[in-house]
Amino acid sequence: MTTGPKLRLGKTLVPGLLAVGLFAVMALITLNASFGGMEGFPEGISVTAELGYALFGYDELQTVGGTEPFLAAVLLVAVALDAALDASLVLAKREEDGEPVAALSSTDESSSETPEPAVADGGTETGGEDR
């Protein structure tokens, strides 16, 4: 029979308290921040085009100024997504006995017999006869 969770005191409690404190500080900052009114782009202006003009420095082509904060946000999200993709590839890599293992291995290395060739008709026929 299992028992309920127990509070472990000592060094293991410190990281949890730091996380709760950090959450409280971030919540206070978010709740006390003042955001301006909602404003959108004028009708007929492409947000993507404005970001592209800001990215390549074509300030004379921009019809709405001040898109640099949007550009910074897009670049930060791109870097974060790239880091997440790299981390997922590292975590998905398998190793056995210190050697990398192919994720899509079709044969078992422990068996010495030769695998049968794949058939394209769903596995009902083997061999190379034509119909």
C-alpha atoms as a PDB file:
ATOM      1  CA  MET A   1       0.000   0.000   0.000  1.00  0.00           C
ATOM      2  CA  THR A   2       1.310   3.445  -0.856  1.00  0.00           C
ATOM      3  CA  THR A   3       1.410   6.328   1.532  1.00  0.00           C
ATOM      4  CA  GLY A   4       0.884  10.009   0.867  1.00  0.00           C
ATOM      5  CA  PRO A   5       3.656  12.367  -0.185  1.00  0.00           C
ATOM      6  CA  LYS A   6       6.138  13.414   2.473  1.00  0.00           C
ATOM      7  CA  LEU A   7       7.890  16.750   2.715  1.00  0.00           C
ATOM      8  CA  ARG A   8      11.657  16.333   2.579  1.00  0.00           C
ATOM      9  CA  LEU A   9      13.436  19.071   4.459  1.00  0.00           C
ATOM     10  CA  GLY A  10      17.019  20.129   3.997  1.00  0.00           C
ATOM     11  CA  LYS A  11      18.944  20.752   0.793  1.00  0.00           C
ATOM     12  CA  THR A  12      16.188  19.295  -1.393  1.00  0.00           C
ATOM     13  CA  LEU A  13      13.753  21.995  -0.244  1.00  0.00           C
ATOM     14  CA  VAL A  14      15.900  24.933  -1.440  1.00  0.00           C
ATOM     15  CA  PRO A  15      15.371  24.548  -5.239  1.00  0.00           C
ATOM     16  CA  GLY A  16      11.613  24.256  -4.745  1.00  0.00           C
ATOM     17  CA  LEU A  17      11.503  27.402  -2.617  1.00  0.00           C
ATOM     18  CA  LEU A  18      13.602  29.254  -5.192  1.00  0.00           C
ATOM     19  CA  ALA A  19      11.215  28.194  -7.965  1.00  0.00           C
ATOM     20  CA  VAL A  20       8.190  29.359  -5.972  1.00  0.00           C
ATOM     21  CA  GLY A  21       9.932  32.670  -5.215  1.00  0.00           C
ATOM     22  CA  LEU A  22      10.812  33.195  -8.866  1.00  0.00           C
ATOM     23  CA  PHE A  23       7.214  32.460  -9.855  1.00  0.00           C
ATOM     24  CA  ALA A  24       5.969  35.005  -7.289  1.00  0.00           C
ATOM     25  CA  VAL A  25       8.338  37.707  -8.572  1.00  0.00           C
ATOM     26  CA  MET A  26       7.345  37.080 -12.200  1.00  0.00           C
ATOM     27  CA  ALA A  27       3.645  37.086 -11.284  1.00  0.00           C
ATOM     28  CA  LEU A  28       4.034  40.435  -9.480  1.00  0.00           C
ATOM     29  CA  ILE A  29       5.861  41.962 -12.431  1.00  0.00           C
ATOM     30  CA  THR A  30       3.225  40.722 -14.881  1.00  0.00           C
ATOM     31  CA  LEU A  31       0.291  41.881 -12.774  1.00  0.00           C
ATOM     32  CA  ASN A  32       1.784  45.344 -12.162  1.00  0.00           C
ATOM     33  CA  ALA A  33       2.880  45.956 -15.772  1.00  0.00           C
ATOM     34  CA  SER A  34       0.865  48.452 -17.739  1.00  0.00           C
ATOM     35  CA  PHE A  35       0.234  47.674 -21.345  1.00  0.00           C
ATOM     36  CA  GLY A  36      -0.961  50.287 -23.809  1.00  0.00           C
ATOM     37  CA  GLY A  37      -4.188  50.079 -25.708  1.00  0.00           C
ATOM     38  CA  MET A  38      -4.665  47.567 -28.481  1.00  0.00           C
ATOM     39  CA  GLU A  39      -3.525  48.859 -31.837  1.00  0.00           C
ATOM     40  CA  GLY A  40      -3.366  46.988 -35.091  1.00  0.00           C
ATOM     41  CA  PHE A  41      -1.868  47.594 -38.468  1.00  0.00           C
ATOM     42  CA  PRO A  42      -3.867  49.786 -40.820  1.00  0.00           C
ATOM     43  CA  GLU A  43      -6.032  48.055 -43.411  1.00  0.00           C
ATOM     44  CA  GLY A  44      -4.191  46.882 -46.520  1.00  0.00           C
ATOM     45  CA  ILE A  45      -0.687  46.782 -44.987  1.00  0.00           C
ATOM     46  CA  SER A  46       1.082  43.441 -44.702  1.00  0.00           C
ATOM     47  CA  VAL A  47       2.734  42.744 -41.354  1.00  0.00           C
ATOM     48  CA  THR A  48       5.052  40.260 -43.031  1.00  0.00           C
ATOM     49  CA  ALA A  49       6.221  42.798 -45.593  1.00  0.00           C
ATOM     50  CA  GLU A  50       6.877  45.377 -42.877  1.00  0.00           C
ATOM     51  CA  LEU A  51       8.940  42.854 -40.911  1.00  0.00           C
ATOM     52  CA  GLY A  52      10.891  41.964 -44.048  1.00  0.00           C
ATOM     53  CA  TYR A  53      11.629  45.630 -44.733  1.00  0.00           C
ATOM     54  CA  ALA A  54      12.837  46.055 -41.145  1.00  0.00           C
ATOM     55  CA  LEU A  55      14.963  42.886 -41.370  1.00  0.00           C
ATOM     56  CA  PHE A  56      16.802  43.994 -44.501  1.00  0.00           C
ATOM     57  CA  GLY A  57      16.983  47.690 -43.588  1.00  0.00           C
ATOM     58  CA  TYR A  58      14.598  49.058 -46.227  1.00  0.00           C
ATOM     59  CA  ASP A  59      13.313  51.854 -44.032  1.00  0.00           C
ATOM     60  CA  GLU A  60      12.187  53.939 -47.015  1.00  0.00           C
ATOM     61  CA  LEU A  61       9.768  51.158 -48.089  1.00  0.00           C
ATOM     62  CA  GLN A  62       8.097  50.873 -44.691  1.00  0.00           C
ATOM     63  CA  THR A  63       4.726  52.552 -44.467  1.00  0.00           C
ATOM     64  CA  VAL A  64       4.404  51.933 -40.729  1.00  0.00           C
ATOM     65  CA  GLY A  65       7.439  52.538 -38.555  1.00  0.00           C
ATOM     66  CA  GLY A  66       8.334  50.856 -35.305  1.00  0.00           C
ATOM     67  CA  THR A  67       8.298  47.227 -36.408  1.00  0.00           C
ATOM     68  CA  GLU A  68      11.718  46.494 -34.876  1.00  0.00           C
ATOM     69  CA  PRO A  69      10.236  45.133 -31.599  1.00  0.00           C
ATOM     70  CA  PHE A  70       8.183  42.678 -33.662  1.00  0.00           C
ATOM     71  CA  LEU A  71      11.314  41.700 -35.550  1.00  0.00           C
ATOM     72  CA  ALA A  72      13.191  41.071 -32.298  1.00  0.00           C
ATOM     73  CA  ALA A  73      10.341  38.893 -31.045  1.00  0.00           C
ATOM     74  CA  VAL A  74      10.256  36.869 -34.275  1.00  0.00           C
ATOM     75  CA  LEU A  75      14.015  36.279 -34.146  1.00  0.00           C
ATOM     76  CA  LEU A  76      13.906  35.278 -30.460  1.00  0.00           C
ATOM     77  CA  VAL A  77      11.118  32.792 -31.155  1.00  0.00           C
ATOM     78  CA  ALA A  78      13.093  31.386 -34.100  1.00  0.00           C
ATOM     79  CA  VAL A  79      16.181  30.863 -31.922  1.00  0.00           C
ATOM     80  CA  ALA A  80      14.084  29.267 -29.150  1.00  0.00           C
ATOM     81  CA  LEU A  81      12.403  26.873 -31.608  1.00  0.00           C
ATOM     82  CA  ASP A  82      15.769  25.953 -33.112  1.00  0.00           C
ATOM     83  CA  ALA A  83      17.172  25.203 -29.643  1.00  0.00           C
ATOM     84  CA  ALA A  84      14.103  23.078 -28.840  1.00  0.00           C
ATOM     85  CA  LEU A  85      14.519  21.107 -32.078  1.00  0.00           C
ATOM     86  CA  ASP A  86      18.210  20.497 -31.357  1.00  0.00           C
ATOM     87  CA  ALA A  87      17.410  19.381 -27.805  1.00  0.00           C
ATOM     88  CA  SER A  88      14.722  16.998 -29.025  1.00  0.00           C
ATOM     89  CA  LEU A  89      17.184  15.394 -31.436  1.00  0.00           C
ATOM     90  CA  VAL A  90      19.749  14.961 -28.674  1.00  0.00           C
ATOM     91  CA  LEU A  91      17.176  13.433 -26.346  1.00  0.00           C
ATOM     92  CA  ALA A  92      15.856  11.092 -29.056  1.00  0.00           C
ATOM     93  CA  LYS A  93      19.284   9.622 -29.783  1.00  0.00           C
ATOM     94  CA  ARG A  94      19.687   6.116 -28.351  1.00  0.00           C
ATOM     95  CA  GLU A  95      22.877   4.417 -27.307  1.00  0.00           C
ATOM     96  CA  GLU A  96      23.554   0.842 -26.318  1.00  0.00           C
ATOM     97  CA  ASP A  97      26.946  -0.080 -24.870  1.00  0.00           C
ATOM     98  CA  GLY A  98      28.286   3.368 -25.749  1.00  0.00           C
ATOM     99  CA  GLU A  99      27.485   2.999 -29.462  1.00  0.00           C
ATOM    100  CA  PRO A 100      24.726   4.944 -31.248  1.00  0.00           C
ATOM    101  CA  VAL A 101      21.756   2.849 -32.395  1.00  0.00           C
ATOM    102  CA  ALA A 102      19.860   3.660 -35.586  1.00  0.00           C
ATOM    103  CA  ALA A 103      16.310   4.765 -34.831  1.00  0.00           C
ATOM    104  CA  LEU A 104      14.835   2.960 -37.845  1.00  0.00           C
ATOM    105  CA  SER A 105      16.812  -0.268 -37.793  1.00  0.00           C
ATOM    106  CA  SER A 106      15.091  -2.976 -39.842  1.00  0.00           C
ATOM    107  CA  THR A 107      17.262  -5.877 -38.701  1.00  0.00           C
ATOM    108  CA  ASP A 108      18.182  -7.289 -35.338  1.00  0.00           C
ATOM    109  CA  GLU A 109      21.942  -7.418 -34.937  1.00  0.00           C
ATOM    110  CA  SER A 110      21.764 -10.364 -32.532  1.00  0.00           C
ATOM    111  CA  SER A 111      20.412 -12.733 -35.194  1.00  0.00           C
ATOM    112  CA  SER A 112      22.868 -14.050 -37.758  1.00  0.00           C
ATOM    113  CA  GLU A 113      20.295 -15.048 -40.373  1.00  0.00           C
ATOM    114  CA  THR A 114      19.761 -12.923 -43.457  1.00  0.00           C
ATOM    115  CA  PRO A 115      16.517 -10.941 -43.495  1.00  0.00           C
ATOM    116  CA  GLU A 116      13.992 -11.621 -46.243  1.00  0.00           C
ATOM    117  CA  PRO A 117      13.691  -8.921 -48.899  1.00  0.00           C
ATOM    118  CA  ALA A 118      10.780  -6.536 -48.637  1.00  0.00           C
ATOM    119  CA  VAL A 119       7.879  -7.125 -51.007  1.00  0.00           C
ATOM    120  CA  ALA A 120       5.806  -4.370 -52.518  1.00  0.00           C
ATOM    121  CA  ASP A 121       2.518  -6.258 -52.818  1.00  0.00           C
ATOM    122  CA  GLY A 122       1.684  -6.199 -49.118  1.00  0.00           C
ATOM    123  CA  GLY A 123       3.597  -9.378 -48.292  1.00  0.00           C
ATOM    124  CA  THR A 124       1.420 -11.950 -50.048  1.00  0.00           C
ATOM    125  CA  GLU A 125       4.047 -13.095 -52.527  1.00  0.00           C
ATOM    126  CA  THR A 126       7.773 -13.642 -52.385  1.00  0.00           C
ATOM    127  CA  GLY A 127      10.130 -14.015 -55.271  1.00  0.00           C
ATOM    128  CA  GLY A 128      10.478 -12.129 -58.513  1.00  0.00           C
ATOM    129  CA  GLU A 129       7.682 -13.584 -60.655  1.00  0.00           C
ATOM    130  CA  ASP A 130       5.701 -11.190 -62.806  1.00  0.00           C
ATOM    131  CA  ARG A 131       1.929 -11.292 -62.904  1.00  0.00           C
END
